[in-house]
Amino acid sequence: MRMLSKSFGKDKPKARQRRQGSGATRKVPGKGLRPSFYAWLNRLLVFVGVGVVIAATAQALLHISAIPVARIVVTGELENTRAEALQDLIQPALAGGFLSTDLQHIRSQIKSLPWIFDASVRRRWPNVLEIHVVEQLAIGRWGENGFINHEGQVFYSEKDLNRGTLPRLQGPEGSAKVLMGNYQQLTEELAPLNLVVMQLVVDERGQLEAQLGNGTSLVLGGDEIAERLQRFAVVYRAELERQIGSVSSVDLRYKNGLAVAFHKPSQMAGR
C-alpha cells in the first residue's frame, strides 16, 4: 500500500505540469487585430488627404483658367497693319480665358494676314497677352497684284504701297525665289554703274531679261549671268555710258561680245 501511494503521489504533479504547460500556449482572442487595423486607418487617412489636395488644386486651376484676358499688347514696327485689326481678329479665340487660350492658333491667325511675315504670342501674368509681329519687307512687285519679300516669298495684298517705286518681277509659278536671287545679283553688279533694275522677267525656258531705269533692256539669257554682267560693265564704261540714252537694248548672250540696238531717230525725237 505504501508503494502504491508513493507512486500515485508522484504522478499527480506531472499531470498538473502538463495542464499548466498546455494552458500557457492559449491565444487571447482579438489581440492580433489591432496593428492591422491601425495600418489600414493610416492608409485611409493618407488617401483622403491626397484626395483633398487634388480636389483643391483642381478647383484652383479651374478658377485661374477662367480668368479673362484683360489686355492685349502688340509690339513691332507696324506700317501696313493696324494693331486694332490684330486685336479684333483674335478676340474670339480668347473666350476660354487666360490659361485656356491656344497661343499657336492665335499665331497662325496673325500670320495669315497679308502683311505679317512672322509673329510670336506669349502670356504675361496675370492676365496680359503679348503679341510681337514682324511685317513683310516688300522688295518688289510680283506680277500684277502681288509682292515678293526679302526671302523670295510671294504674298498678295490690295494695298497699293507705292507700287510704282518697287521693281517688278515676273516669272512662272515657283520661280520667285530664284528670280529674287537674280535681281539681287543684278543690283549689286549694276550699282557701281549707277544703273537701276526696274523690271526682271524670266520665261518658261529660264531666259532672263531686265529693264533698267533709263529704259534700256538687258537680254541676259539663262546661264553665265555673272560673266555677262562683267563684260557689260567693261563695255559700258568704255563706250556706252556717254550714249546710254540712245541705247534701246543690249544682248549679252554672245560668247565673247554683245550686241547693242539703238533707238530709231523717230524714237529719239519722242524721248
Protein backbone atom coordinates (compact mmCIF):
# COMPACT_ATOMS: atom_id res chain seq x y z
CA MET A 1 0.00 0.00 0.00
CA ARG A 2 2.78 2.40 0.73
CA MET A 3 4.42 1.78 -2.56
CA LEU A 4 1.22 2.47 -4.40
CA SER A 5 0.60 5.73 -2.58
CA LYS A 6 4.08 6.94 -3.36
CA SER A 7 3.70 6.03 -6.94
CA PHE A 8 0.34 7.77 -7.09
CA GLY A 9 1.71 10.84 -5.41
CA LYS A 10 4.44 11.21 -7.98
CA ASP A 11 2.03 11.05 -10.88
CA LYS A 12 -0.18 13.94 -9.73
CA PRO A 13 2.39 16.72 -10.11
CA LYS A 14 3.21 15.53 -13.61
CA ALA A 15 -0.39 15.80 -14.64
CA ARG A 16 -0.53 19.27 -13.12
CA GLN A 17 2.53 20.29 -15.07
CA ARG A 18 1.03 19.14 -18.33
CA ARG A 19 -2.13 21.14 -17.69
CA GLN A 20 -0.12 24.22 -16.83
CA GLY A 21 2.05 23.82 -19.91
CA SER A 22 -0.90 23.49 -22.22
CA GLY A 23 -2.62 26.48 -20.61
CA ALA A 24 0.41 28.72 -21.23
CA THR A 25 0.11 28.38 -25.04
CA ARG A 26 -3.52 29.51 -25.31
CA LYS A 27 -4.22 32.59 -27.58
CA VAL A 28 -6.24 35.55 -26.37
CA PRO A 29 -8.89 36.38 -28.98
CA GLY A 30 -8.67 39.93 -30.58
CA LYS A 31 -5.13 40.90 -29.62
CA GLY A 32 -3.61 40.28 -33.15
CA LEU A 33 -6.14 42.56 -34.99
CA ARG A 34 -5.08 45.90 -33.55
CA PRO A 35 -1.85 46.50 -35.60
CA SER A 36 -3.53 45.74 -38.95
CA PHE A 37 -6.48 47.99 -38.09
CA TYR A 38 -4.23 50.98 -37.40
CA ALA A 39 -2.24 50.38 -40.61
CA TRP A 40 -5.47 50.33 -42.60
CA LEU A 41 -6.66 53.50 -40.88
CA ASN A 42 -3.37 55.28 -41.66
CA ARG A 43 -3.64 54.36 -45.33
CA LEU A 44 -7.21 55.59 -45.43
CA LEU A 45 -6.22 58.93 -43.92
CA VAL A 46 -3.39 59.32 -46.46
CA PHE A 47 -5.77 58.62 -49.35
CA VAL A 48 -8.30 61.09 -48.01
CA GLY A 49 -5.59 63.75 -47.60
CA VAL A 50 -4.30 63.26 -51.13
CA GLY A 51 -7.84 63.44 -52.48
CA VAL A 52 -8.46 66.71 -50.66
CA VAL A 53 -5.24 68.22 -52.07
CA ILE A 54 -6.10 67.10 -55.62
CA ALA A 55 -9.62 68.47 -55.35
CA ALA A 56 -8.36 71.80 -54.01
CA THR A 57 -5.74 72.04 -56.75
CA ALA A 58 -8.29 71.26 -59.45
CA GLN A 59 -10.64 73.87 -58.07
CA ALA A 60 -7.86 76.46 -58.02
CA LEU A 61 -6.88 75.65 -61.62
CA LEU A 62 -10.47 75.95 -62.75
CA HIS A 63 -10.66 79.34 -61.10
CA ILE A 64 -7.38 80.52 -62.66
CA SER A 65 -8.24 79.22 -66.13
CA ALA A 66 -11.47 81.20 -66.04
CA ILE A 67 -9.58 84.49 -65.60
CA PRO A 68 -10.23 86.55 -68.76
CA VAL A 69 -7.54 88.23 -70.84
CA ALA A 70 -7.72 91.82 -69.66
CA ARG A 71 -5.23 93.40 -72.07
CA ILE A 72 -3.55 92.69 -75.42
CA VAL A 73 -0.15 94.30 -76.05
CA VAL A 74 1.05 94.45 -79.67
CA THR A 75 4.71 95.27 -80.36
CA GLY A 76 6.77 95.51 -83.55
CA GLU A 77 7.06 98.05 -86.36
CA LEU A 78 3.65 98.23 -88.00
CA GLU A 79 3.35 100.20 -91.22
CA ASN A 80 0.81 98.23 -93.21
CA THR A 81 -1.17 96.54 -90.40
CA ARG A 82 -3.21 98.17 -87.65
CA ALA A 83 -2.85 96.88 -84.08
CA GLU A 84 -6.62 97.22 -83.67
CA ALA A 85 -7.15 94.87 -86.62
CA LEU A 86 -4.99 92.24 -84.91
CA GLN A 87 -6.93 92.56 -81.67
CA ASP A 88 -10.28 92.25 -83.44
CA LEU A 89 -9.04 89.20 -85.35
CA ILE A 90 -8.02 87.18 -82.28
CA GLN A 91 -10.81 88.29 -79.93
CA PRO A 92 -12.99 85.17 -80.48
CA ALA A 93 -10.05 82.92 -79.58
CA LEU A 94 -9.85 84.49 -76.10
CA ALA A 95 -13.29 83.32 -74.96
CA GLY A 96 -11.86 80.36 -73.00
CA GLY A 97 -9.88 82.53 -70.60
CA PHE A 98 -6.26 83.40 -69.92
CA LEU A 99 -4.83 79.88 -69.49
CA SER A 100 -7.11 78.16 -71.98
CA THR A 101 -6.18 80.40 -74.90
CA ASP A 102 -4.49 78.47 -77.72
CA LEU A 103 -1.38 80.55 -78.44
CA GLN A 104 -0.38 78.54 -81.50
CA HIS A 105 -3.81 79.05 -83.05
CA ILE A 106 -3.60 82.80 -82.45
CA ARG A 107 -0.14 82.90 -84.03
CA SER A 108 -1.46 81.09 -87.11
CA GLN A 109 -4.34 83.55 -87.36
CA ILE A 110 -2.00 86.53 -87.26
CA LYS A 111 0.40 85.04 -89.81
CA SER A 112 -2.50 84.57 -92.22
CA LEU A 113 -2.73 88.35 -92.64
CA PRO A 114 -1.14 89.56 -95.91
CA TRP A 115 1.47 91.88 -94.43
CA ILE A 116 2.59 89.71 -91.49
CA PHE A 117 5.86 87.83 -92.06
CA ASP A 118 6.15 86.31 -88.57
CA ALA A 119 4.57 86.58 -85.12
CA SER A 120 5.10 85.37 -81.56
CA VAL A 121 2.47 85.16 -78.81
CA ARG A 122 3.01 84.68 -75.07
CA ARG A 123 1.19 85.11 -71.76
CA ARG A 124 2.24 87.63 -69.13
CA TRP A 125 0.89 87.02 -65.65
CA PRO A 126 -1.74 87.59 -64.50
CA ASN A 127 -3.95 88.47 -67.49
CA VAL A 128 -1.97 90.05 -70.34
CA LEU A 129 -1.42 88.61 -73.82
CA GLU A 130 1.71 89.88 -75.60
CA ILE A 131 1.98 89.74 -79.40
CA HIS A 132 5.12 90.65 -81.32
CA VAL A 133 4.84 90.92 -85.09
CA VAL A 134 7.32 91.29 -87.95
CA GLU A 135 5.88 92.75 -91.12
CA GLN A 136 6.70 91.68 -94.64
CA LEU A 137 9.59 93.52 -96.27
CA ALA A 138 8.42 94.05 -99.84
CA ILE A 139 11.42 94.01 -102.19
CA GLY A 140 9.41 94.14 -105.39
CA ARG A 141 6.11 93.59 -107.13
CA TRP A 142 5.20 90.13 -108.36
CA GLY A 143 3.10 90.09 -111.49
CA GLU A 144 0.16 92.46 -111.41
CA ASN A 145 -1.27 92.08 -107.91
CA GLY A 146 1.39 90.50 -105.71
CA PHE A 147 4.53 91.40 -103.81
CA ILE A 148 7.75 89.49 -103.21
CA ASN A 149 9.60 89.68 -99.89
CA HIS A 150 13.28 89.51 -98.94
CA GLU A 151 13.19 85.69 -98.90
CA GLY A 152 11.64 85.37 -102.33
CA GLN A 153 8.19 84.55 -100.96
CA VAL A 154 5.14 85.88 -102.78
CA PHE A 155 2.23 87.43 -100.91
CA TYR A 156 -0.83 89.29 -102.10
CA SER A 157 -2.42 92.46 -100.81
CA GLU A 158 -4.88 95.01 -102.07
CA LYS A 159 -2.80 97.79 -100.54
CA ASP A 160 -1.04 99.89 -103.18
CA LEU A 161 2.22 100.58 -101.25
CA ASN A 162 3.67 102.88 -103.93
CA ARG A 163 3.81 100.12 -106.50
CA GLY A 164 5.49 102.42 -109.00
CA THR A 165 8.64 102.72 -106.86
CA LEU A 166 9.19 98.97 -106.49
CA PRO A 167 10.86 96.86 -109.18
CA ARG A 168 8.57 94.43 -110.98
CA LEU A 169 9.50 90.74 -111.09
CA GLN A 170 7.60 88.22 -113.15
CA GLY A 171 8.02 84.54 -113.95
CA PRO A 172 6.39 81.10 -113.94
CA GLU A 173 4.91 79.69 -110.76
CA GLY A 174 7.61 78.58 -108.33
CA SER A 175 10.33 80.80 -109.82
CA ALA A 176 10.03 83.70 -107.36
CA LYS A 177 12.90 82.71 -105.03
CA VAL A 178 15.39 82.11 -107.84
CA LEU A 179 14.32 85.31 -109.58
CA MET A 180 14.83 87.28 -106.38
CA GLY A 181 18.39 85.95 -106.24
CA ASN A 182 18.92 87.07 -109.85
CA TYR A 183 17.57 90.50 -109.02
CA GLN A 184 19.91 90.92 -106.06
CA GLN A 185 22.85 89.84 -108.23
CA LEU A 186 21.98 92.38 -110.93
CA THR A 187 21.50 95.13 -108.36
CA GLU A 188 24.97 94.54 -106.87
CA GLU A 189 26.71 94.39 -110.25
CA LEU A 190 24.98 97.45 -111.74
CA ALA A 191 25.06 99.73 -108.67
CA PRO A 192 28.68 100.90 -109.37
CA LEU A 193 27.46 101.95 -112.85
CA ASN A 194 24.58 103.98 -111.36
CA LEU A 195 22.10 101.74 -113.17
CA VAL A 196 18.88 100.59 -111.52
CA VAL A 197 16.85 97.49 -112.37
CA MET A 198 13.16 98.35 -112.67
CA GLN A 199 11.91 95.07 -114.11
CA LEU A 200 13.19 91.50 -114.30
CA VAL A 201 11.34 88.80 -116.21
CA VAL A 202 12.13 85.10 -116.66
CA ASP A 203 10.27 82.98 -119.22
CA GLU A 204 9.39 79.28 -119.23
CA ARG A 205 12.83 78.42 -120.63
CA GLY A 206 14.64 80.26 -117.84
CA GLN A 207 15.76 83.18 -120.03
CA LEU A 208 16.24 86.45 -118.17
CA GLU A 209 15.59 89.96 -119.41
CA ALA A 210 15.99 93.12 -117.34
CA GLN A 211 14.75 96.63 -117.93
CA LEU A 212 16.78 99.47 -116.45
CA GLY A 213 15.54 102.73 -115.03
CA ASN A 214 16.67 104.61 -118.16
CA GLY A 215 14.57 102.35 -120.40
CA THR A 216 17.40 100.16 -121.72
CA SER A 217 16.78 96.39 -121.84
CA LEU A 218 19.45 93.84 -120.96
CA VAL A 219 18.96 90.41 -122.56
CA LEU A 220 20.82 88.12 -120.15
CA GLY A 221 19.91 84.57 -121.19
CA GLY A 222 19.83 81.66 -118.78
CA ASP A 223 23.43 81.00 -117.68
CA GLU A 224 26.80 82.67 -117.03
CA ILE A 225 24.97 85.71 -115.71
CA ALA A 226 27.91 86.98 -113.62
CA GLU A 227 30.37 86.75 -116.55
CA ARG A 228 27.97 88.52 -118.89
CA LEU A 229 27.38 91.35 -116.44
CA GLN A 230 31.12 91.83 -116.00
CA ARG A 231 31.54 92.03 -119.77
CA PHE A 232 28.72 94.55 -119.97
CA ALA A 233 30.35 96.69 -117.26
CA VAL A 234 33.61 96.88 -119.23
CA VAL A 235 31.87 97.92 -122.46
CA TYR A 236 29.55 100.30 -120.64
CA ARG A 237 32.39 102.25 -119.07
CA ALA A 238 34.37 102.31 -122.31
CA GLU A 239 31.67 103.01 -124.90
CA LEU A 240 28.05 103.04 -123.80
CA GLU A 241 27.91 105.33 -120.78
CA ARG A 242 28.06 108.55 -122.78
CA GLN A 243 25.36 107.41 -125.21
CA ILE A 244 23.19 105.24 -122.98
CA GLY A 245 20.19 107.47 -123.63
CA SER A 246 20.09 106.27 -127.24
CA VAL A 247 20.56 102.57 -126.43
CA SER A 248 17.38 100.51 -126.78
CA SER A 249 18.75 97.10 -125.73
CA VAL A 250 21.95 95.17 -125.11
CA ASP A 251 22.05 91.45 -125.91
CA LEU A 252 24.60 89.73 -123.65
CA ARG A 253 24.05 86.16 -124.82
CA TYR A 254 27.09 86.12 -127.11
CA LYS A 255 30.13 84.13 -126.03
CA ASN A 256 32.78 86.82 -126.46
CA GLY A 257 30.83 90.00 -127.04
CA LEU A 258 27.46 91.71 -127.01
CA ALA A 259 25.02 93.29 -129.46
CA VAL A 260 23.73 96.84 -128.99
CA ALA A 261 20.49 98.10 -130.52
CA PHE A 262 19.91 101.85 -130.67
CA HIS A 263 16.66 103.76 -130.75
CA LYS A 264 15.48 104.88 -134.15
CA PRO A 265 15.71 108.63 -134.83
CA SER A 266 11.92 108.93 -134.58
CA GLN A 267 12.02 107.26 -131.19
CA MET A 268 14.81 109.54 -130.04
CA ALA A 269 12.77 112.59 -131.04
CA GLY A 270 9.93 111.44 -128.84
CA ARG A 271 12.10 110.89 -125.78
